[in-house]
Protein backbone atom coordinates (compact mmCIF):
# COMPACT_ATOMS: atom_id res chain seq x y z
CA MET A 1 -21.17 38.63 -62.22
CA CYS A 2 -23.32 37.32 -65.09
CA VAL A 3 -26.53 39.14 -66.09
CA GLY A 4 -29.17 38.32 -68.69
CA PHE A 5 -31.09 41.00 -70.60
CA ASP A 6 -34.36 41.30 -72.52
CA SER A 7 -32.34 42.30 -75.58
CA ASN A 8 -31.46 38.62 -76.25
CA HIS A 9 -27.95 38.71 -74.80
CA ALA A 10 -26.03 38.14 -71.56
CA LYS A 11 -23.07 40.00 -70.14
CA VAL A 12 -20.35 39.22 -67.62
CA TYR A 13 -19.24 42.10 -65.39
CA PRO A 14 -16.24 42.26 -63.03
CA ILE A 15 -16.68 42.77 -59.31
CA MET A 16 -14.33 45.74 -59.13
CA GLU A 17 -11.69 45.98 -56.44
CA GLU A 18 -10.69 49.21 -54.74
CA GLN A 19 -7.76 49.83 -57.11
CA GLN A 20 -9.99 49.45 -60.16
CA LYS A 21 -12.54 51.84 -58.62
CA ASP A 22 -9.83 54.46 -58.02
CA MET A 23 -8.62 54.12 -61.62
CA ASP A 24 -12.14 54.57 -62.97
CA LEU A 25 -12.71 57.61 -60.76
CA GLU A 26 -9.47 59.19 -61.94
CA GLU A 27 -10.46 58.49 -65.55
CA ALA A 28 -13.84 60.12 -64.98
CA GLU A 29 -12.27 63.19 -63.36
CA SER A 30 -9.73 63.60 -66.19
CA SER A 31 -12.50 63.42 -68.79
CA GLY A 32 -14.50 66.05 -66.92
CA SER A 33 -17.52 63.81 -66.48
CA ALA A 34 -19.56 64.41 -63.35
CA SER A 35 -21.42 61.12 -63.56
CA LYS A 36 -20.24 57.95 -61.88
CA PRO A 37 -18.05 55.66 -63.99
CA LYS A 38 -19.93 52.80 -65.62
CA LYS A 39 -18.82 49.22 -65.32
CA ARG A 40 -17.60 47.77 -68.59
CA PRO A 41 -18.61 44.16 -69.35
CA LEU A 42 -15.86 41.60 -69.69
CA ARG A 43 -17.84 39.40 -72.08
CA LYS A 44 -21.05 39.63 -74.08
CA PHE A 45 -22.97 36.61 -75.34
CA ASP A 46 -25.57 37.41 -78.01
CA ASP A 47 -26.40 34.03 -79.61
CA HIS A 48 -29.92 33.77 -78.10
CA LEU A 49 -33.07 34.66 -80.03
CA GLY A 50 -35.13 35.67 -77.01
CA PRO A 51 -34.84 37.40 -73.62
CA VAL A 52 -32.30 35.72 -71.36
CA HIS A 53 -33.78 34.93 -67.92
CA VAL A 54 -31.19 32.43 -66.65
CA CYS A 55 -27.46 33.12 -66.39
CA LYS A 56 -25.31 30.96 -64.10
CA PHE A 57 -21.64 30.09 -63.72
CA MET A 58 -20.68 26.44 -63.98
CA ARG A 59 -18.82 24.83 -61.10
CA ASN A 60 -15.41 25.31 -62.77
CA LEU A 61 -16.11 29.09 -63.05
CA TYR A 62 -14.70 29.10 -66.62
CA GLN A 63 -18.03 28.51 -68.33
CA VAL A 64 -21.40 30.26 -68.24
CA MET A 65 -24.79 28.58 -68.68
CA THR A 66 -27.63 30.67 -70.11
CA ALA A 67 -31.27 29.88 -70.91
CA SER A 68 -33.72 32.00 -72.86
CA ASP A 69 -37.30 32.36 -74.00
CA ASP A 70 -36.22 30.70 -77.25
CA ALA A 71 -36.36 27.38 -75.28
CA HIS A 72 -32.61 26.86 -75.78
CA VAL A 73 -29.87 26.21 -73.24
CA ARG A 74 -26.36 27.34 -74.11
CA ILE A 75 -22.95 27.07 -72.48
CA PHE A 76 -20.34 29.69 -73.30
CA ASP A 77 -16.61 29.63 -72.76
CA LEU A 78 -15.64 32.63 -70.65
CA ALA A 79 -12.15 32.88 -72.18
CA THR A 80 -13.13 32.86 -75.87
CA SER A 81 -16.87 33.84 -75.72
CA SER A 82 -17.59 30.86 -77.98
CA THR A 83 -20.56 28.52 -77.66
CA ILE A 84 -19.60 25.15 -76.21
CA MET A 85 -23.08 23.59 -76.08
CA LYS A 86 -26.45 24.41 -77.59
CA LEU A 87 -29.57 22.39 -76.84
CA LYS A 88 -33.28 22.96 -77.31
CA ALA A 89 -34.35 21.41 -74.02
CA HIS A 90 -37.95 22.70 -73.77
CA LYS A 91 -40.97 23.64 -75.83
CA ASP A 92 -41.75 26.93 -74.08
CA TYR A 93 -40.03 29.79 -72.26
CA ILE A 94 -37.22 28.80 -69.88
CA ARG A 95 -37.55 31.02 -66.83
CA SER A 96 -35.42 29.21 -64.25
CA GLY A 97 -32.28 27.12 -64.02
CA CYS A 98 -29.28 26.22 -61.90
CA THR A 99 -25.98 24.36 -62.10
CA SER A 100 -24.66 21.59 -59.89
CA ILE A 101 -22.10 22.47 -57.22
CA SER A 102 -20.89 18.85 -57.10
CA SER A 103 -20.51 18.22 -60.85
CA ASP A 104 -19.13 20.17 -63.81
CA ASP A 105 -21.61 18.66 -66.26
CA LEU A 106 -25.13 18.76 -64.77
CA ILE A 107 -27.63 21.54 -65.54
CA LEU A 108 -31.20 21.86 -64.27
CA THR A 109 -33.81 23.99 -66.07
CA GLY A 110 -37.50 24.72 -65.55
CA SER A 111 -39.89 25.92 -68.23
CA TYR A 112 -43.40 27.17 -68.81
CA ASP A 113 -44.09 23.86 -70.57
CA HIS A 114 -44.58 22.45 -67.02
CA THR A 115 -41.40 20.34 -67.14
CA VAL A 116 -38.15 20.31 -65.21
CA LYS A 117 -35.22 18.78 -67.08
CA MET A 118 -31.70 17.78 -66.14
CA THR A 119 -29.09 18.00 -68.88
CA ASP A 120 -25.71 16.27 -69.05
CA CYS A 121 -23.22 18.45 -70.93
CA ARG A 122 -21.00 15.46 -71.74
CA ILE A 123 -23.61 13.87 -74.01
CA ASN A 124 -25.44 17.10 -74.89
CA SER A 125 -28.87 15.67 -74.08
CA VAL A 126 -31.57 15.55 -71.40
CA VAL A 127 -31.04 12.70 -68.92
CA MET A 128 -34.12 13.25 -66.73
CA SER A 129 -37.47 15.02 -67.12
CA VAL A 130 -40.30 15.50 -64.60
CA ASP A 131 -43.70 17.11 -65.01
CA HIS A 132 -44.48 19.70 -62.33
CA GLY A 133 -48.06 20.16 -63.54
CA GLU A 134 -47.91 23.95 -63.82
CA PRO A 135 -45.54 26.54 -65.33
CA VAL A 136 -42.25 26.24 -63.46
CA GLU A 137 -41.08 29.48 -61.87
CA ASN A 138 -37.90 28.34 -60.11
CA VAL A 139 -35.76 25.24 -59.55
CA LEU A 140 -33.07 24.26 -57.05
CA MET A 141 -30.62 21.37 -56.81
CA PHE A 142 -29.32 19.90 -53.59
CA PRO A 143 -25.51 20.02 -53.11
CA SER A 144 -25.19 16.28 -53.75
CA SER A 145 -27.37 16.55 -56.89
CA ASN A 146 -29.45 13.60 -55.73
CA MET A 147 -32.63 15.64 -55.20
CA ILE A 148 -34.16 18.66 -56.92
CA ILE A 149 -36.89 21.15 -55.98
CA SER A 150 -39.34 22.88 -58.33
CA CYS A 151 -42.03 25.47 -57.75
CA GLY A 152 -44.94 26.51 -59.92
CA GLY A 153 -48.48 27.57 -59.20
CA ASN A 154 -48.97 27.42 -55.44
CA SER A 155 -47.06 24.14 -54.97
CA ILE A 156 -43.47 23.16 -54.22
CA LYS A 157 -42.34 19.66 -55.19
CA ILE A 158 -39.26 17.66 -54.24
CA TRP A 159 -37.98 15.00 -56.66
CA ASP A 160 -35.55 12.10 -56.23
CA VAL A 161 -32.97 12.07 -59.03
CA LEU A 162 -31.52 8.69 -58.11
CA LYS A 163 -34.94 7.05 -58.63
CA GLY A 164 -35.43 8.60 -62.03
CA GLY A 165 -37.43 11.64 -60.93
CA ASN A 166 -39.72 10.02 -58.35
CA LEU A 167 -41.87 12.56 -56.46
CA ILE A 168 -40.91 12.60 -52.77
CA HIS A 169 -43.04 15.35 -51.26
CA THR A 170 -45.42 18.17 -52.23
CA MET A 171 -45.85 21.33 -50.14
CA ILE A 172 -48.87 23.56 -50.75
CA ASN A 173 -48.62 26.38 -48.22
CA HIS A 174 -48.91 29.44 -50.47
CA HIS A 175 -52.21 30.92 -51.64
CA LYS A 176 -50.83 32.27 -54.91
CA THR A 177 -48.01 31.50 -57.34
CA VAL A 178 -44.64 30.63 -55.81
CA THR A 179 -42.04 32.74 -57.62
CA SER A 180 -38.71 32.04 -55.96
CA LEU A 181 -36.81 29.47 -53.89
CA ALA A 182 -33.61 29.63 -51.84
CA PHE A 183 -31.61 27.41 -49.49
CA SER A 184 -30.32 28.55 -46.15
CA PHE A 185 -26.54 28.66 -45.75
CA ASN A 186 -26.32 25.21 -44.12
CA TYR A 187 -29.01 23.68 -46.41
CA LYS A 188 -31.18 22.84 -43.41
CA TYR A 189 -34.03 25.13 -44.43
CA LEU A 190 -35.83 25.99 -47.64
CA LEU A 191 -37.25 29.47 -48.19
CA SER A 192 -40.04 30.11 -50.70
CA ALA A 193 -41.55 33.43 -51.80
CA GLY A 194 -44.80 34.05 -53.64
CA LEU A 195 -47.29 36.55 -54.95
CA ASP A 196 -49.27 36.18 -51.69
CA ARG A 197 -46.67 38.49 -50.04
CA HIS A 198 -45.32 35.72 -47.81
CA ILE A 199 -41.97 34.00 -47.37
CA LYS A 200 -42.32 30.49 -45.99
CA VAL A 201 -39.50 28.70 -44.19
CA PHE A 202 -39.51 24.88 -44.31
CA ASP A 203 -37.42 22.41 -42.35
CA LEU A 204 -35.87 20.06 -44.91
CA ALA A 205 -35.52 17.30 -42.31
CA ASN A 206 -39.29 16.70 -42.19
CA TYR A 207 -40.64 19.31 -44.67
CA ASP A 208 -42.61 21.09 -41.93
CA LEU A 209 -43.42 24.80 -42.07
CA VAL A 210 -41.48 26.50 -39.27
CA ASN A 211 -41.88 30.23 -39.96
CA THR A 212 -43.69 32.79 -42.11
CA ILE A 213 -42.48 36.30 -42.96
CA ASP A 214 -44.90 38.93 -44.30
CA TYR A 215 -44.09 41.66 -46.84
CA PRO A 216 -46.14 44.63 -48.12
CA SER A 217 -46.18 43.58 -51.81
CA SER A 218 -46.02 40.51 -54.01
CA ILE A 219 -42.54 38.98 -54.04
CA LEU A 220 -40.79 38.25 -57.34
CA SER A 221 -37.27 37.30 -56.23
CA LEU A 222 -35.49 36.06 -53.13
CA GLY A 223 -31.84 35.78 -52.11
CA ILE A 224 -29.78 35.01 -49.00
CA LEU A 225 -26.27 36.23 -48.25
CA PRO A 226 -23.61 33.77 -47.01
CA GLU A 227 -24.02 32.59 -43.39
CA ASP A 228 -27.62 33.85 -43.56
CA ARG A 229 -26.49 37.37 -42.73
CA SER A 230 -29.23 39.09 -44.75
CA LEU A 231 -32.45 38.22 -46.54
CA ILE A 232 -32.88 40.13 -49.82
CA VAL A 233 -36.33 40.36 -51.39
CA GLY A 234 -37.46 42.04 -54.61
CA MET A 235 -41.12 43.04 -54.92
CA ASN A 236 -43.36 43.90 -57.86
CA ASP A 237 -43.75 47.54 -56.80
CA GLY A 238 -40.01 48.14 -57.40
CA LEU A 239 -38.91 47.89 -53.78
CA LEU A 240 -35.81 45.93 -52.76
CA SER A 241 -35.85 44.84 -49.12
CA PHE A 242 -32.77 43.99 -47.04
CA ARG A 243 -33.50 42.29 -43.74
CA ASP A 244 -30.43 41.65 -41.58
CA ARG A 245 -30.31 38.74 -39.21
CA LYS A 246 -29.98 39.69 -35.56
CA THR A 247 -26.77 38.19 -34.22
CA ASN A 248 -25.27 38.34 -30.76
CA ASN A 249 -21.62 39.35 -31.03
CA PHE A 250 -20.12 37.41 -28.14
CA ASP A 251 -16.57 38.40 -29.05
CA GLN A 252 -17.33 42.10 -28.69
CA GLN A 253 -19.08 41.55 -25.38
CA LYS A 254 -16.23 39.39 -24.15
CA SER A 255 -13.58 41.96 -25.00
CA SER A 256 -15.58 44.81 -23.45
CA LEU A 257 -16.16 42.85 -20.28
CA LYS A 258 -12.52 41.80 -20.05
CA SER A 259 -11.51 45.45 -20.24
CA LYS A 260 -13.66 46.06 -17.17
CA ASN A 261 -12.05 43.08 -15.38
CA THR A 262 -15.36 41.29 -15.04
CA GLY A 263 -16.34 37.76 -15.94
CA PHE A 264 -18.00 36.92 -19.24
CA ASN A 265 -21.28 35.04 -19.20
CA PRO A 266 -22.93 34.80 -22.65
CA TYR A 267 -26.24 33.65 -21.18
CA LYS A 268 -26.51 36.63 -18.85
CA TYR A 269 -26.07 39.49 -21.29
CA VAL A 270 -28.03 38.24 -24.30
CA SER A 271 -31.59 39.50 -24.35
CA PRO A 272 -34.17 36.79 -25.15
CA THR A 273 -35.83 36.82 -28.57
CA VAL A 274 -39.63 36.93 -28.69
CA PHE A 275 -41.24 34.86 -31.42
CA SER A 276 -44.83 35.35 -32.53
CA ALA A 277 -46.55 32.32 -34.00
CA SER A 278 -48.72 32.62 -37.09
CA ALA A 279 -52.02 30.89 -37.78
CA THR A 280 -50.34 28.13 -39.79
CA ASP A 281 -47.73 27.26 -37.16
CA HIS A 282 -48.12 24.10 -35.11
CA LEU A 283 -47.52 24.96 -31.48
CA ILE A 284 -46.33 22.41 -28.93
CA LEU A 285 -47.10 23.71 -25.45
CA HIS A 286 -45.18 22.46 -22.45
CA GLU A 287 -47.32 22.49 -19.34
CA ALA A 288 -45.54 23.78 -16.27
CA LYS A 289 -45.40 21.39 -13.35
CA PRO A 290 -47.82 22.62 -10.64
CA HIS A 291 -46.12 23.92 -7.51
CA LEU A 292 -47.53 22.24 -4.42
CA LYS A 293 -47.65 23.78 -0.99
CA SER A 294 -45.80 22.06 1.83
CA TYR A 295 -48.99 20.64 3.38
CA ASP A 296 -50.13 19.36 -0.03
CA LYS A 297 -46.79 17.58 -0.47
CA GLN A 298 -47.21 15.88 2.93
CA LEU A 299 -50.81 14.90 2.09
CA LYS A 300 -49.56 13.45 -1.18
CA LYS A 301 -47.08 11.35 0.81
CA PHE A 302 -49.89 10.32 3.27
CA ASN A 303 -47.91 11.87 6.14
CA SER A 304 -50.85 13.06 8.26
CA THR A 305 -48.91 14.42 11.25
CA ALA A 306 -46.52 16.49 9.11
CA ALA A 307 -49.43 17.76 6.96
CA LEU A 308 -51.28 19.04 10.06
CA ASP A 309 -48.10 20.67 11.40
CA GLU A 310 -47.51 22.46 8.08
CA ALA A 311 -51.13 23.62 8.02
CA LEU A 312 -50.69 25.06 11.54
CA SER A 313 -47.65 27.13 10.58
CA LEU A 314 -47.85 30.81 11.58
CA LYS A 315 -48.43 32.22 8.10
CA THR A 316 -51.07 29.66 7.17
CA ARG A 317 -53.13 29.64 10.38
CA VAL A 318 -53.17 33.43 10.73
CA HIS A 319 -53.70 34.62 7.14
CA THR A 320 -55.56 31.64 5.68
CA PRO A 321 -57.30 29.72 8.48
CA GLN A 322 -59.64 28.17 5.91
CA VAL A 323 -56.64 26.26 4.53
CA THR A 324 -55.92 24.80 7.98
CA ILE A 325 -59.58 23.80 8.33
CA GLY A 326 -59.47 22.23 4.87
CA VAL A 327 -56.47 20.08 5.83
CA MET A 328 -58.29 18.98 8.99
CA GLN A 329 -61.38 18.06 6.99
CA GLU A 330 -59.25 16.04 4.54
CA LEU A 331 -57.66 14.15 7.45
CA ILE A 332 -61.13 13.48 8.88
CA ARG A 333 -62.25 12.18 5.48
CA ARG A 334 -59.22 9.88 5.31
CA GLY A 335 -59.81 8.68 8.87
CA THR A 336 -56.30 9.64 10.01
CA ILE A 337 -57.17 12.67 12.15
CA LYS A 338 -56.62 10.81 15.46
CA ALA A 339 -53.17 9.68 14.35
CA ALA A 340 -52.32 13.26 13.32
CA LEU A 341 -53.48 14.72 16.67
CA ALA A 342 -51.84 12.08 18.86
CA GLY A 343 -48.34 12.45 20.27
CA LYS A 344 -48.18 16.25 20.04
CA SER A 345 -45.53 18.15 21.95
CA GLU A 346 -46.42 20.85 24.45
CA LYS A 347 -45.67 23.62 21.97
CA SER A 348 -47.58 22.17 19.01
CA LEU A 349 -50.52 21.20 21.24
CA GLY A 350 -50.71 24.75 22.60
CA ILE A 351 -50.72 26.16 19.03
CA LEU A 352 -53.57 23.83 18.05
CA ILE A 353 -55.75 24.66 21.09
CA LYS A 354 -55.23 28.40 20.62
CA PHE A 355 -56.22 28.05 16.97
CA ILE A 356 -59.43 26.27 17.99
CA GLN A 357 -60.27 28.94 20.60
CA ARG A 358 -59.69 31.74 18.07
CA ASN A 359 -61.76 30.29 15.21
CA ILE A 360 -64.45 28.11 16.81
CA SER A 361 -66.83 31.06 16.96
CA ASN A 362 -66.74 31.33 13.15
CA PRO A 363 -69.91 29.62 11.88
CA ASN A 364 -68.02 28.22 8.89
CA PHE A 365 -65.48 26.46 11.13
CA THR A 366 -67.60 25.58 14.18
CA ALA A 367 -68.60 22.03 13.19
CA THR A 368 -65.10 20.94 12.23
CA LEU A 369 -63.37 22.52 15.22
CA THR A 370 -65.95 21.06 17.61
CA ASP A 371 -65.12 17.57 16.38
CA ILE A 372 -61.40 18.32 16.66
CA SER A 373 -61.78 19.62 20.24
CA ASN A 374 -63.75 16.52 21.30
CA ILE A 375 -61.06 14.26 19.82
CA LEU A 376 -58.38 16.25 21.67
CA LEU A 377 -60.19 15.89 24.99
CA ASP A 378 -60.48 12.13 24.46
CA LEU A 379 -56.84 11.73 23.44
CA TYR A 380 -55.23 13.88 26.17
CA LEU A 381 -57.62 13.25 29.09
CA ASN A 382 -55.06 11.12 30.91
CA ASP A 383 -52.31 13.70 30.33
CA ILE A 384 -54.07 16.53 32.11
CA GLY A 385 -51.87 17.75 34.99
CA LYS A 386 -48.51 17.30 33.28
CA TYR A 387 -48.31 20.84 31.81
CA ALA A 388 -49.86 23.77 33.64
CA ALA A 389 -50.16 25.88 30.49
CA ILE A 390 -51.88 23.09 28.57
CA ASP A 391 -54.24 22.42 31.49
CA ASP A 392 -55.30 26.06 31.44
CA LEU A 393 -55.92 25.93 27.70
CA PHE A 394 -58.00 22.75 28.06
CA VAL A 395 -60.10 24.40 30.77
CA ARG A 396 -60.75 27.41 28.54
CA LEU A 397 -61.57 25.15 25.62
CA LYS A 398 -64.08 23.19 27.70
CA LYS A 399 -65.71 26.40 28.93
CA ASN A 400 -65.98 27.67 25.36
CA ASN A 401 -67.60 24.43 24.28
CA ARG A 402 -70.12 24.57 27.16
CA PHE A 403 -70.89 28.21 26.42
CA ARG A 404 -71.38 27.46 22.73
CA ASN A 405 -73.62 24.45 23.56
CA SER A 406 -75.78 26.55 25.90
CA ILE A 407 -76.23 29.23 23.27
CA SER A 408 -77.12 26.60 20.70
CA ASN A 409 -79.70 25.05 23.02
CA LYS A 410 -81.22 28.44 23.76
CA PHE A 411 -81.39 29.21 20.08
CA ILE A 412 -83.12 25.89 19.36
CA SER A 413 -85.65 26.38 22.17
CA ASN A 414 -86.42 29.91 21.01
CA ASN A 415 -86.82 28.64 17.49
CA TRP A 416 -89.42 26.08 18.63
CA SER A 417 -91.21 28.75 20.66
CA PHE A 418 -91.50 31.00 17.63
CA ARG A 419 -92.80 28.13 15.56
CA ASN A 420 -95.49 27.23 18.15
CA TYR A 421 -96.51 30.89 18.39
CA PHE A 422 -96.94 31.30 14.67
CA CYS A 423 -98.84 28.01 14.42
CA ARG A 424 -101.33 29.18 17.11
CA THR A 425 -101.86 32.56 15.46
CA LYS A 426 -102.69 30.86 12.20
């Protein structure tokens, strides 16, 4: 582990194994010290003249690249602690840098002089320089080294190295200075953190913003563990946040279910994740296909007879007679009501006549059912006498119609009488 310090030097520390920890603990106990043993640095590089803010291992892991506020970039040999390369690459503080994971000789640095520069260690000189436009806070290099990313101010810019530093895309989604950048484990997403207390997640396929994560304070640094297991964030109030990624351990579930001699279904036992969209997210809503009732489906197919039969089903005609009336009115409007009423069986004809007798007294249904009853009498006049039960229903229907007509006539005559009376009194 390589660390830079404000005291103008950098140090390399070992990642201690368990045996080394036990040895240090025994040494601390033998010396009588109650404090925890301190890690001793393997190497110390003190050639810089300013605070060291960048300290990275080269791809071969035998060399260390450092950059400082003295505007110099240096490469040290880890075995001998000697300086291999020294270059004044910028005119102001160097606050960010990275090394290529596909080449042993490429270095990328960003400075407060608004420039991002790529250095080739073989020729000890800058081979490409781009102007970000604002002090550069962080830089990243794609695995293939053909594109680079820089952030400064509230903008993030992507540059094409193969075209000599041509600007590909600019993303301005933060409200304040962007301080840190990080790739996801598979390099499909780019994460950016800023002083506006937000972490933005971008899809590198189309550079669209796909997610936003809020934090309580301004963010200064950002890191991701391998396989995106955890998101580590450092804030300006001294807090260090660890946010673990929720994973579904299918292997554990499978073994536990096998012990119970039951089948394993990963889609059945995983609880769904609920995502909340932010104001900046672009939502694509999928409209659900409307569910049509059976009579609506038959009307859509222009099957009049089947539509009337579905509307006269027990549940529909008893609980929602207005639906049955509506289907009849639609068939009348289409001019197919006679075709729908013709050719009925004894059972379906009896259901229809009983429905008319039950609902014809309702003022809302009277006009429609009167027309239906007249059409029935015209259609089945020659069939009277074939079925005794149907004949009885037709007789009752005709009596109901006569009774309703007599009441209507009486009501009309009384209405005219009242009108004449009031006209005379005036």
